[in-house]
Amino acid sequence: MEPRQLPTPFRAEWLRRLTARRPLLLTGLSLILVVAVGAGAIDWRQGEWGFRVRYDANLLNLQADDVESVAVQQRIFRQSGASLLYAVSLASSPGEARRRAEQFEALPTVAHVEHLATAMPPYPPSETQLLVQAIRARLAQLSAIPRDLPQIDPLTIGQALEELLTVLEASGDPAVRAAAARLDAFLDGFEKLPVERQVEFLESYQYAMLTALRTELEHIAAAADPAPVTVDDLDSAIRDRFVSPQGDWLLRVFPREQVWDEAPLARFVADVRSIDPEATGTPLQNFEAARQIRQSYINAGWSAFLVICLVLLIDMLESGPKWVALLAPLIVVVFAMVSESSLDPWENARWLLTLYVVMALAVGAVFDGANVRNLLLALTPPVVGLGMMFGAMGWLGVDLNPANIIVLPLILGIGVDNGVYVLHDFRKQTGPYRTSPSTMNAIILTSLTSMSGFGSLLVASHRGLASLGQVLVIGLSTCLFVSLVTLPAVLTGLAGGRAEEPDPASSEVPRQAGPDAPQNPPADQRAGPEHGPLHRQDQRQDQRPATPEPVRHAA
């Protein structure tokens, strides 16, 4: 019974062969591709270079397209020109609220201001008390409506209305001409009535007008109270909304533009704070939250990069140079913190860590330059991969937002794993370098599983989650390309002149003399991590006992 051949993992022999035979060509082509893709992140606008990938802080752009609340928000602003968001400012008195409202309304980014101080008298009670008393005295005794009203002449009133019609028709204002049309229609209908009906109609109108006038005068007499008007005279439902129990008067400052986008929001916040530095409200909260989210992830990415450099320094350097590189900068940083008493170590922790890592790399480069070079090469996949990711985002028109900016520390962590795998494989081999199949399988497997996991977010209806999956797939793809193509090609070129060390196992067996004894084993049989004891099982799997091949002798 013939033994069954076991499946072998993907080895990417064509890529390994091309990297081994043409490292300089592959390095040049991959660098050209890196530059071409990365160039998409840079843009030339208005005579200067800029970053094409923007940070979109608009939270509405993260929602699904069919969310009803977003559609209502957009429709309200489009139809009324008024924003539902407003800033909040507090004044200590009605007079201060009126003055601050005038200052706000003079700003170019403010549409209008709502406050309750307009319901209060603009003058102090001492200036209006005598006037109110005089009005109250004159309205104290209102005469009743007379029973016999003056006789009305329909002809005189008709002539007066015709003159009014002539004046209205001469105006070019559409509203005035519309009033003239309604008056003309009334006169046409009124002219058809008999004289008795016209007199009755005009007398009824005259009586109703006098009754309404007397009612208004009665209301004025009732309101003409010489006692000062206070906030307690206002309706409680409105008073509780705009006036606090402590006496603070609230002002609602509405923007002229839609402030979901970052540019108009920044202008509106700057203008409002120029009048009241302590103003608050939803626009200012969104502005600060967007800034904090963006800066937090940038700080997290930079801190992660520094810690990665420190861990790689511990991993790559030899024992002696490692301790010198770690302890010497530490002494300098501690001395700087002790000598500078005003330096807060918690507020400046990121900059102190940056100084420490830079000094540690510099000291390590002096005592162990080759391994520091390997450290920098291990950082190639995350650093170059991030550059290619931003370039691809620029070409595709994908922007950063509060949902997908988390990719900065994630890409650093995933990309440096690939670089460490390749560099450890490079350091274990002697002689000319060739990427091990096991290393290539590990990188491809981990990258593809991560891409498939995050790629499932692409079908999410929430646009923020979909953009997160899109950016992560792009970043993982670029890191995978640098790890499998660019970095192995560079390492193969660097190891081209590296001498091969003899295999210790071969010295234990005496070499057979004779023409059939192999003198120089082929390159694929030389000592190396991919052909060591851990990979003998893979070599046995590649054998085909059913169809044995003739023994080949080296020249």
Protein backbone atom coordinates (compact mmCIF):
# COMPACT_ATOMS: atom_id res chain seq x y z
CA MET A 1 0.00 0.00 0.00
CA GLU A 2 1.53 3.31 -1.07
CA PRO A 3 1.85 6.01 1.58
CA ARG A 4 -0.40 9.01 1.09
CA GLN A 5 1.32 12.34 0.51
CA LEU A 6 0.57 14.85 3.24
CA PRO A 7 -0.43 18.40 2.27
CA THR A 8 2.32 21.01 2.43
CA PRO A 9 1.80 24.63 3.44
CA PHE A 10 2.00 27.52 1.01
CA ARG A 11 5.66 28.31 0.39
CA ALA A 12 5.50 31.12 -2.23
CA GLU A 13 8.48 29.63 -4.00
CA TRP A 14 8.27 32.08 -6.90
CA LEU A 15 8.53 35.07 -4.54
CA ARG A 16 11.35 33.50 -2.53
CA ARG A 17 13.22 32.62 -5.72
CA LEU A 18 12.76 36.09 -7.19
CA THR A 19 13.90 37.70 -3.93
CA ALA A 20 16.99 35.49 -3.75
CA ARG A 21 18.03 35.97 -7.39
CA ARG A 22 17.09 39.62 -8.04
CA PRO A 23 17.15 41.43 -4.67
CA LEU A 24 18.30 44.79 -6.05
CA LEU A 25 15.73 44.76 -8.85
CA LEU A 26 12.93 43.79 -6.48
CA THR A 27 14.06 46.44 -3.97
CA GLY A 28 13.99 49.14 -6.62
CA LEU A 29 10.60 48.13 -8.00
CA SER A 30 9.04 47.88 -4.54
CA LEU A 31 10.43 51.28 -3.55
CA ILE A 32 8.98 52.80 -6.71
CA LEU A 33 5.61 51.30 -5.83
CA VAL A 34 5.90 52.56 -2.24
CA VAL A 35 6.64 56.10 -3.44
CA ALA A 36 3.86 55.99 -6.06
CA VAL A 37 1.25 54.85 -3.57
CA GLY A 38 2.49 57.07 -0.75
CA ALA A 39 2.39 60.14 -3.01
CA GLY A 40 -1.39 60.00 -2.80
CA ALA A 41 -1.19 61.37 0.75
CA ILE A 42 0.34 64.66 -0.46
CA ASP A 43 -1.56 67.33 -2.35
CA TRP A 44 -0.57 70.62 -3.99
CA ARG A 45 -3.14 73.31 -3.21
CA GLN A 46 -2.94 77.06 -3.51
CA GLY A 47 0.81 77.11 -4.06
CA GLU A 48 1.79 74.91 -1.13
CA TRP A 49 1.98 71.26 -0.21
CA GLY A 50 -0.67 69.81 2.05
CA PHE A 51 -1.96 66.53 3.46
CA ARG A 52 -4.69 65.12 1.26
CA VAL A 53 -6.20 62.84 3.90
CA ARG A 54 -8.39 65.02 6.12
CA TYR A 55 -9.87 64.47 9.54
CA ASP A 56 -13.65 64.52 9.19
CA ALA A 57 -15.06 65.44 12.60
CA ASN A 58 -18.67 65.57 11.33
CA LEU A 59 -20.52 63.04 13.46
CA LEU A 60 -23.45 62.96 11.02
CA ASN A 61 -21.14 61.40 8.40
CA LEU A 62 -20.63 58.41 10.69
CA GLN A 63 -24.30 57.50 10.81
CA ALA A 64 -26.12 55.22 8.39
CA ASP A 65 -27.60 56.82 5.30
CA ASP A 66 -31.16 55.88 6.22
CA VAL A 67 -31.19 57.23 9.79
CA GLU A 68 -34.33 59.35 10.13
CA SER A 69 -32.91 61.72 12.74
CA VAL A 70 -30.06 62.73 10.41
CA ALA A 71 -32.50 63.34 7.55
CA VAL A 72 -34.70 65.51 9.78
CA GLN A 73 -31.70 67.48 10.98
CA GLN A 74 -30.58 68.18 7.42
CA ARG A 75 -34.10 69.06 6.27
CA ILE A 76 -34.67 71.53 9.11
CA PHE A 77 -31.46 73.40 8.40
CA ARG A 78 -32.06 73.36 4.64
CA GLN A 79 -35.62 74.69 4.87
CA SER A 80 -35.30 77.14 7.76
CA GLY A 81 -31.62 77.99 7.67
CA ALA A 82 -31.54 77.57 11.45
CA SER A 83 -29.36 75.11 13.32
CA LEU A 84 -30.68 72.89 16.08
CA LEU A 85 -27.39 73.26 17.93
CA TYR A 86 -26.62 76.36 19.95
CA ALA A 87 -24.02 77.68 22.36
CA VAL A 88 -24.93 78.64 25.91
CA SER A 89 -23.77 81.74 27.75
CA LEU A 90 -24.74 82.88 31.26
CA ALA A 91 -25.24 86.50 32.37
CA SER A 92 -25.72 87.77 35.91
CA SER A 93 -28.46 90.33 35.14
CA PRO A 94 -30.95 91.28 32.40
CA GLY A 95 -28.85 94.29 31.45
CA GLU A 96 -25.74 92.17 31.02
CA ALA A 97 -27.75 89.63 29.01
CA ARG A 98 -28.91 92.37 26.61
CA ARG A 99 -25.40 93.76 26.18
CA ARG A 100 -23.91 90.33 25.60
CA ALA A 101 -26.68 89.45 23.13
CA GLU A 102 -25.83 92.57 21.10
CA GLN A 103 -22.16 91.54 21.07
CA PHE A 104 -23.03 88.01 19.94
CA GLU A 105 -25.35 89.19 17.17
CA ALA A 106 -22.60 91.45 15.81
CA LEU A 107 -20.44 88.37 15.11
CA PRO A 108 -20.40 87.12 11.48
CA THR A 109 -20.93 83.47 12.49
CA VAL A 110 -23.99 84.10 14.73
CA ALA A 111 -27.51 84.08 13.30
CA HIS A 112 -29.53 85.18 16.32
CA VAL A 113 -29.63 85.02 20.12
CA GLU A 114 -32.54 83.91 22.28
CA HIS A 115 -32.85 85.22 25.85
CA LEU A 116 -35.56 86.34 28.28
CA ALA A 117 -34.15 89.78 29.01
CA THR A 118 -36.18 91.16 26.09
CA ALA A 119 -39.31 90.62 28.20
CA MET A 120 -37.98 92.89 30.93
CA PRO A 121 -38.11 96.71 30.81
CA PRO A 122 -34.90 98.08 29.27
CA TYR A 123 -34.91 101.05 31.70
CA PRO A 124 -34.64 101.06 35.49
CA PRO A 125 -37.88 101.59 37.48
CA SER A 126 -36.75 105.05 38.67
CA GLU A 127 -36.85 106.35 35.10
CA THR A 128 -40.24 104.88 34.14
CA GLN A 129 -42.21 105.11 37.36
CA LEU A 130 -43.56 108.66 36.77
CA LEU A 131 -44.51 107.82 33.16
CA VAL A 132 -46.36 104.69 34.27
CA GLN A 133 -48.23 106.64 36.96
CA ALA A 134 -49.34 109.27 34.40
CA ILE A 135 -50.61 106.57 32.02
CA ARG A 136 -52.46 104.85 34.85
CA ALA A 137 -54.09 108.14 35.91
CA ARG A 138 -55.29 108.90 32.38
CA LEU A 139 -56.76 105.43 31.94
CA ALA A 140 -58.30 105.23 35.37
CA GLN A 141 -61.74 106.27 34.08
CA LEU A 142 -62.51 105.03 30.59
CA SER A 143 -65.77 106.24 29.06
CA ALA A 144 -68.28 103.72 27.85
CA ILE A 145 -68.92 103.15 24.19
CA PRO A 146 -71.69 105.56 23.07
CA ARG A 147 -74.97 104.05 22.08
CA ASP A 148 -75.57 106.46 19.19
CA LEU A 149 -72.61 106.49 16.81
CA PRO A 150 -72.09 109.15 14.13
CA GLN A 151 -73.90 108.56 10.85
CA ILE A 152 -71.68 106.92 8.25
CA ASP A 153 -71.65 108.05 4.61
CA PRO A 154 -70.84 105.07 2.34
CA LEU A 155 -69.92 107.39 -0.55
CA THR A 156 -67.25 109.23 1.46
CA ILE A 157 -65.73 105.99 2.72
CA GLY A 158 -65.83 104.51 -0.78
CA GLN A 159 -63.94 107.52 -2.24
CA ALA A 160 -61.31 107.25 0.51
CA LEU A 161 -60.83 103.55 -0.21
CA GLU A 162 -60.50 104.26 -3.96
CA GLU A 163 -57.73 106.77 -3.23
CA LEU A 164 -56.01 104.20 -1.06
CA LEU A 165 -56.32 101.66 -3.87
CA THR A 166 -54.69 104.06 -6.34
CA VAL A 167 -51.74 104.60 -4.00
CA LEU A 168 -51.30 100.86 -3.41
CA GLU A 169 -51.38 100.01 -7.13
CA ALA A 170 -48.65 102.55 -7.83
CA SER A 171 -46.21 100.70 -5.58
CA GLY A 172 -43.81 98.13 -7.01
CA ASP A 173 -43.63 96.03 -3.85
CA PRO A 174 -45.21 92.59 -4.46
CA ALA A 175 -46.71 92.54 -0.96
CA VAL A 176 -48.31 95.98 -1.46
CA ARG A 177 -49.69 95.02 -4.85
CA ALA A 178 -51.16 91.86 -3.31
CA ALA A 179 -52.90 94.04 -0.70
CA ALA A 180 -54.18 96.29 -3.49
CA ALA A 181 -55.65 93.28 -5.27
CA ARG A 182 -57.48 92.18 -2.13
CA LEU A 183 -58.79 95.73 -1.58
CA ASP A 184 -59.96 95.94 -5.18
CA ALA A 185 -61.86 92.66 -4.81
CA PHE A 186 -63.48 93.95 -1.60
CA LEU A 187 -64.62 97.18 -3.28
CA ASP A 188 -66.08 95.23 -6.21
CA GLY A 189 -68.15 93.12 -3.84
CA PHE A 190 -69.02 96.02 -1.54
CA GLU A 191 -70.27 98.12 -4.50
CA LYS A 192 -72.85 95.49 -5.41
CA LEU A 193 -74.54 95.69 -1.99
CA PRO A 194 -77.60 97.97 -1.50
CA VAL A 195 -77.04 101.25 0.37
CA GLU A 196 -78.85 100.04 3.50
CA ARG A 197 -76.64 96.93 3.64
CA GLN A 198 -73.49 99.05 3.16
CA VAL A 199 -74.47 101.35 6.07
CA GLU A 200 -75.23 98.38 8.30
CA PHE A 201 -71.90 96.76 7.46
CA LEU A 202 -69.89 99.96 8.15
CA GLU A 203 -71.70 100.62 11.44
CA SER A 204 -71.01 97.07 12.61
CA TYR A 205 -67.33 97.47 11.72
CA GLN A 206 -67.18 100.81 13.54
CA TYR A 207 -68.69 99.36 16.70
CA ALA A 208 -66.33 96.33 16.63
CA MET A 209 -63.31 98.62 16.17
CA LEU A 210 -64.33 100.82 19.12
CA THR A 211 -64.91 97.78 21.30
CA ALA A 212 -61.47 96.37 20.45
CA LEU A 213 -59.84 99.71 21.13
CA ARG A 214 -61.49 100.05 24.53
CA THR A 215 -60.44 96.48 25.43
CA GLU A 216 -56.81 97.30 24.60
CA LEU A 217 -56.97 100.44 26.74
CA GLU A 218 -58.36 98.42 29.63
CA HIS A 219 -55.43 96.00 29.31
CA ILE A 220 -52.98 98.91 29.32
CA ALA A 221 -54.67 100.36 32.42
CA ALA A 222 -54.41 97.02 34.19
CA ALA A 223 -50.74 96.69 33.23
CA ALA A 224 -49.90 100.29 34.19
CA ASP A 225 -48.77 99.26 37.66
CA PRO A 226 -46.21 101.64 39.19
CA ALA A 227 -44.61 98.69 41.01
CA PRO A 228 -41.35 97.56 39.27
CA VAL A 229 -41.54 94.56 36.94
CA THR A 230 -39.58 91.57 38.24
CA VAL A 231 -38.73 88.17 36.84
CA ASP A 232 -41.40 86.64 39.05
CA ASP A 233 -44.02 88.37 36.90
CA LEU A 234 -43.07 86.09 33.98
CA ASP A 235 -44.66 82.73 33.32
CA SER A 236 -42.96 79.96 35.27
CA ALA A 237 -42.62 77.64 32.25
CA ILE A 238 -40.52 80.20 30.42
CA ARG A 239 -38.81 81.64 33.50
CA ASP A 240 -37.47 78.25 34.65
CA ARG A 241 -36.01 77.62 31.22
CA PHE A 242 -34.00 80.86 30.93
CA VAL A 243 -33.44 82.02 34.53
CA SER A 244 -31.81 79.89 37.23
CA PRO A 245 -32.76 80.02 40.94
CA GLN A 246 -29.37 81.67 41.55
CA GLY A 247 -30.25 84.54 39.21
CA ASP A 248 -28.23 83.52 36.11
CA TRP A 249 -29.77 84.51 32.79
CA LEU A 250 -29.29 82.07 29.93
CA LEU A 251 -28.52 83.10 26.33
CA ARG A 252 -28.85 80.70 23.40
CA VAL A 253 -26.43 81.61 20.61
CA PHE A 254 -27.42 80.03 17.28
CA PRO A 255 -24.82 79.69 14.48
CA ARG A 256 -25.33 81.05 11.00
CA GLU A 257 -23.81 77.96 9.33
CA GLN A 258 -24.21 74.25 9.87
CA VAL A 259 -21.63 73.54 12.59
CA TRP A 260 -21.29 69.79 12.20
CA ASP A 261 -18.28 70.32 9.92
CA GLU A 262 -15.00 71.20 11.58
CA ALA A 263 -14.17 74.45 9.73
CA PRO A 264 -17.42 76.38 10.46
CA LEU A 265 -17.51 74.87 13.94
CA ALA A 266 -14.00 76.16 14.71
CA ARG A 267 -14.93 79.66 13.50
CA PHE A 268 -18.14 79.68 15.53
CA VAL A 269 -16.39 78.48 18.69
CA ALA A 270 -13.63 81.06 18.30
CA ASP A 271 -16.14 83.89 17.87
CA VAL A 272 -18.31 82.81 20.80
CA ARG A 273 -15.30 82.46 23.10
CA SER A 274 -14.09 85.90 22.08
CA ILE A 275 -17.19 87.29 23.84
CA ASP A 276 -17.59 84.70 26.62
CA PRO A 277 -14.57 82.43 27.27
CA GLU A 278 -16.69 80.30 29.61
CA ALA A 279 -19.46 79.59 27.08
CA THR A 280 -20.60 76.02 26.69
CA GLY A 281 -23.21 74.06 24.73
CA THR A 282 -23.35 71.19 22.27
CA PRO A 283 -21.22 72.84 19.51
CA LEU A 284 -18.40 73.55 21.94
CA GLN A 285 -18.65 70.07 23.43
CA ASN A 286 -18.46 68.51 19.95
CA PHE A 287 -15.47 70.71 19.11
CA GLU A 288 -13.53 69.74 22.22
CA ALA A 289 -14.51 66.06 21.96
CA ALA A 290 -13.31 65.84 18.34
CA ARG A 291 -10.01 67.48 19.25
CA GLN A 292 -9.52 65.20 22.26
CA ILE A 293 -10.29 62.05 20.27
CA ARG A 294 -7.90 63.00 17.48
CA GLN A 295 -5.09 64.09 19.81
CA SER A 296 -5.56 61.06 22.08
CA TYR A 297 -5.10 58.57 19.26
CA ILE A 298 -2.13 60.49 17.89
CA ASN A 299 -0.55 60.44 21.35
CA ALA A 300 -1.41 56.75 21.72
CA GLY A 301 0.18 55.96 18.36
CA TRP A 302 3.33 57.91 19.19
CA SER A 303 3.58 56.35 22.66
CA ALA A 304 3.08 52.88 21.16
CA PHE A 305 5.84 53.59 18.65
CA LEU A 306 8.27 54.63 21.41
CA VAL A 307 7.47 51.56 23.52
CA ILE A 308 7.92 49.34 20.45
CA CYS A 309 11.34 50.88 19.82
CA LEU A 310 12.28 50.24 23.45
CA VAL A 311 11.14 46.60 23.34
CA LEU A 312 12.98 46.01 20.06
CA LEU A 313 16.08 47.58 21.58
CA ILE A 314 15.94 45.07 24.42
CA ASP A 315 15.34 42.22 21.98
CA MET A 316 17.91 43.08 19.30
CA LEU A 317 21.00 44.30 21.15
CA GLU A 318 23.68 42.11 22.67
CA SER A 319 23.83 41.84 26.44
CA GLY A 320 26.67 44.30 27.09
CA PRO A 321 25.62 47.14 24.72
CA LYS A 322 22.02 46.60 25.78
CA TRP A 323 22.63 47.56 29.41
CA VAL A 324 24.78 50.51 28.43
CA ALA A 325 22.10 51.77 26.00
CA LEU A 326 19.34 51.36 28.62
CA LEU A 327 21.07 52.73 31.71
CA ALA A 328 23.08 55.67 30.36
CA PRO A 329 20.07 57.60 28.93
CA LEU A 330 18.06 56.73 32.05
CA ILE A 331 20.64 58.49 34.22
CA VAL A 332 20.50 61.56 31.98
CA VAL A 333 16.69 61.72 32.03
CA VAL A 334 16.50 61.25 35.82
CA PHE A 335 19.13 63.96 36.30
CA ALA A 336 17.15 66.34 34.07
CA MET A 337 13.98 65.67 36.07
CA VAL A 338 15.75 66.24 39.40
CA SER A 339 17.59 69.39 38.29
CA GLU A 340 14.51 70.96 36.69
CA SER A 341 12.08 71.25 39.59
CA SER A 342 9.36 72.89 37.47
CA LEU A 343 9.25 69.90 35.12
CA ASP A 344 6.15 67.81 35.76
CA PRO A 345 7.03 64.19 34.89
CA TRP A 346 3.40 63.21 34.30
CA GLU A 347 2.56 66.07 31.95
CA ASN A 348 5.85 65.65 30.04
CA ALA A 349 6.01 61.84 30.18
CA ARG A 350 5.70 61.45 26.40
CA TRP A 351 8.52 63.89 25.69
CA LEU A 352 10.74 62.38 28.36
CA LEU A 353 10.13 58.93 26.89
CA THR A 354 10.95 60.28 23.43
CA LEU A 355 14.22 61.73 24.72
CA TYR A 356 15.08 58.47 26.47
CA VAL A 357 14.40 56.29 23.40
CA VAL A 358 16.35 58.59 21.06
CA MET A 359 19.35 58.62 23.39
CA ALA A 360 19.13 54.83 23.87
CA LEU A 361 19.13 54.29 20.10
CA ALA A 362 22.08 56.65 19.69
CA VAL A 363 24.10 54.88 22.40
CA GLY A 364 23.15 51.48 21.00
CA ALA A 365 24.24 52.56 17.51
CA VAL A 366 27.69 53.41 18.88
CA PHE A 367 28.25 50.10 20.64
CA ASP A 368 26.19 47.73 18.47
CA GLY A 369 25.44 49.42 15.16
CA ALA A 370 24.54 46.26 13.25
CA ASN A 371 21.72 45.31 15.62
CA VAL A 372 20.41 48.88 15.76
CA ARG A 373 20.26 48.69 11.99
CA ASN A 374 18.25 45.48 12.33
CA LEU A 375 15.94 47.28 14.79
CA LEU A 376 15.26 50.04 12.29
CA LEU A 377 14.63 47.46 9.57
CA ALA A 378 12.11 45.71 11.81
CA LEU A 379 10.21 49.02 11.96
CA THR A 380 10.00 49.17 8.16
CA PRO A 381 6.64 47.34 7.79
CA PRO A 382 4.65 49.55 10.23
CA VAL A 383 6.29 52.85 9.24
CA VAL A 384 6.36 52.35 5.47
CA GLY A 385 3.02 50.52 5.64
CA LEU A 386 1.42 53.52 7.35
CA GLY A 387 2.82 55.82 4.67
CA MET A 388 1.40 53.62 1.93
CA MET A 389 -1.91 53.38 3.79
CA PHE A 390 -2.30 57.17 3.91
CA GLY A 391 -1.33 57.35 0.24
CA ALA A 392 -3.93 54.75 -0.72
CA MET A 393 -6.53 56.61 1.35
CA GLY A 394 -5.66 59.79 -0.53
CA TRP A 395 -6.06 58.11 -3.91
CA LEU A 396 -9.35 56.49 -2.85
CA GLY A 397 -10.74 59.64 -1.19
CA VAL A 398 -11.04 58.06 2.27
CA ASP A 399 -10.68 60.42 5.24
CA LEU A 400 -9.94 59.82 8.88
CA ASN A 401 -12.79 60.25 11.35
CA PRO A 402 -13.43 59.66 15.07
CA ALA A 403 -14.26 56.00 14.33
CA ASN A 404 -11.33 54.88 12.15
CA ILE A 405 -8.48 56.92 13.65
CA ILE A 406 -7.95 54.00 16.04
CA VAL A 407 -6.00 52.34 13.21
CA LEU A 408 -2.84 54.33 14.08
CA PRO A 409 -1.79 52.21 17.10
CA LEU A 410 -3.33 49.05 15.62
CA ILE A 411 -1.30 49.19 12.40
CA LEU A 412 1.87 49.87 14.38
CA GLY A 413 1.31 46.81 16.54
CA ILE A 414 0.37 44.45 13.72
CA GLY A 415 3.04 45.72 11.33
CA VAL A 416 5.90 45.45 13.79
CA ASP A 417 5.03 41.79 14.38
CA ASN A 418 5.73 41.06 10.72
CA GLY A 419 9.01 42.97 10.87
CA VAL A 420 10.15 41.06 13.95
CA TYR A 421 9.34 37.73 12.30
CA VAL A 422 11.41 38.57 9.24
CA LEU A 423 14.36 39.99 11.24
CA HIS A 424 14.52 36.96 13.55
CA ASP A 425 14.50 34.74 10.50
CA PHE A 426 17.31 36.83 9.01
CA ARG A 427 19.45 36.65 12.16
CA LYS A 428 19.11 32.88 12.48
CA GLN A 429 20.40 32.23 8.98
CA THR A 430 24.00 32.33 7.86
CA GLY A 431 25.28 33.15 4.45
CA PRO A 432 22.97 34.56 1.75
CA TYR A 433 19.49 35.20 3.13
CA ARG A 434 16.34 33.53 1.86
CA THR A 435 12.97 33.95 3.55
CA SER A 436 11.92 30.77 5.33
CA PRO A 437 8.63 29.20 4.22
CA SER A 438 7.48 28.98 7.84
CA THR A 439 8.06 32.73 8.36
CA MET A 440 6.22 33.57 5.16
CA ASN A 441 3.34 31.29 6.12
CA ALA A 442 3.07 32.88 9.56
CA ILE A 443 2.99 36.42 8.16
CA ILE A 444 0.47 35.58 5.44
CA LEU A 445 -1.80 33.62 7.79
CA THR A 446 -1.89 36.26 10.55
CA SER A 447 -2.38 39.11 8.08
CA LEU A 448 -5.15 37.41 6.11
CA THR A 449 -7.05 36.38 9.24
CA SER A 450 -6.86 39.95 10.58
CA MET A 451 -7.92 41.36 7.21
CA SER A 452 -10.88 38.99 6.95
CA GLY A 453 -11.95 39.79 10.52
CA PHE A 454 -11.79 43.57 10.16
CA GLY A 455 -12.99 43.36 6.58
CA SER A 456 -16.35 42.07 7.79
CA LEU A 457 -17.01 45.64 8.98
CA LEU A 458 -17.16 46.80 5.36
CA VAL A 459 -20.77 45.65 5.07
CA ALA A 460 -21.90 47.56 8.18
CA SER A 461 -24.63 50.15 7.63
CA HIS A 462 -22.92 52.43 10.14
CA ARG A 463 -20.54 54.44 7.97
CA GLY A 464 -18.05 54.90 10.80
CA LEU A 465 -17.63 51.15 11.29
CA ALA A 466 -17.46 50.59 7.53
CA SER A 467 -14.67 53.17 7.22
CA LEU A 468 -12.84 51.49 10.12
CA GLY A 469 -12.87 48.15 8.28
CA GLN A 470 -11.84 49.81 5.02
CA VAL A 471 -8.85 51.62 6.52
CA LEU A 472 -7.68 48.56 8.44
CA VAL A 473 -7.83 46.35 5.36
CA ILE A 474 -5.79 48.93 3.43
CA GLY A 475 -3.24 49.26 6.25
CA LEU A 476 -2.84 45.51 6.74
CA SER A 477 -2.41 45.03 2.98
CA THR A 478 0.37 47.62 2.77
CA CYS A 479 2.15 46.17 5.81
CA LEU A 480 1.89 42.70 4.27
CA PHE A 481 3.43 43.94 1.04
CA VAL A 482 6.37 45.58 2.81
CA SER A 483 6.91 42.48 4.99
CA LEU A 484 6.92 39.98 2.11
CA VAL A 485 8.52 41.99 -0.69
CA THR A 486 10.38 45.13 0.32
CA LEU A 487 11.99 44.03 3.59
CA PRO A 488 13.16 40.55 2.40
CA ALA A 489 14.62 42.10 -0.75
CA VAL A 490 16.56 44.67 1.32
CA LEU A 491 17.81 41.99 3.72
CA THR A 492 18.85 39.72 0.84
CA GLY A 493 20.87 42.56 -0.65
CA LEU A 494 22.52 43.32 2.70
CA ALA A 495 23.41 39.64 3.25
CA GLY A 496 24.83 39.15 -0.25
CA GLY A 497 28.42 39.27 0.95
CA ARG A 498 27.81 37.49 4.25
CA ALA A 499 30.07 34.43 4.66
CA GLU A 500 28.41 31.12 5.35
CA GLU A 501 29.36 29.38 8.59
CA PRO A 502 30.08 25.63 8.46
CA ASP A 503 27.39 23.30 9.70
CA PRO A 504 28.43 21.86 13.07
CA ALA A 505 26.52 18.65 12.39
CA SER A 506 28.52 17.94 9.26
CA SER A 507 31.83 17.88 11.19
CA GLU A 508 30.72 14.89 13.23
CA VAL A 509 30.46 12.60 10.16
CA PRO A 510 33.68 11.98 8.18
CA ARG A 511 33.41 13.04 4.55
CA GLN A 512 33.53 10.12 2.14
CA ALA A 513 36.15 10.19 -0.54
CA GLY A 514 35.30 9.27 -4.04
CA PRO A 515 33.61 10.68 -7.06
CA ASP A 516 30.14 9.86 -5.73
CA ALA A 517 30.57 11.78 -2.46
CA PRO A 518 28.87 15.21 -2.49
CA GLN A 519 31.43 17.97 -1.96
CA ASN A 520 29.19 21.10 -2.04
CA PRO A 521 25.56 20.44 -1.15
CA PRO A 522 22.99 22.47 -3.03
CA ALA A 523 21.78 25.76 -1.53
CA ASP A 524 18.42 24.31 -0.56
CA GLN A 525 20.20 21.63 1.57
CA ARG A 526 22.50 23.98 3.47
CA ALA A 527 22.17 24.58 7.17
CA GLY A 528 19.50 27.09 7.99
CA PRO A 529 16.48 27.47 10.22
CA GLU A 530 14.10 26.39 7.51
CA HIS A 531 16.02 23.14 6.99
CA GLY A 532 16.90 22.41 10.63
CA PRO A 533 15.31 19.83 12.92
CA LEU A 534 12.06 21.79 13.16
CA HIS A 535 11.56 21.42 9.41
CA ARG A 536 12.71 17.84 8.81
CA GLN A 537 9.10 16.70 8.93
CA ASP A 538 8.26 19.15 6.12
CA GLN A 539 11.16 17.74 4.12
CA ARG A 540 9.90 14.23 4.62
CA GLN A 541 6.45 15.35 3.45
CA ASP A 542 7.94 16.60 0.21
CA GLN A 543 9.43 13.20 -0.59
CA ARG A 544 7.56 10.95 -2.99
CA PRO A 545 8.31 7.27 -2.19
CA ALA A 546 5.97 6.07 -4.95
CA THR A 547 8.16 7.58 -7.67
CA PRO A 548 11.74 7.62 -6.39
CA GLU A 549 14.15 9.96 -8.12
CA PRO A 550 17.73 9.06 -8.99
CA VAL A 551 20.42 10.26 -6.63
CA ARG A 552 21.99 13.48 -7.87
CA HIS A 553 25.65 14.12 -7.19
CA ALA A 554 27.05 17.57 -6.80
CA ALA A 555 29.64 18.60 -9.29
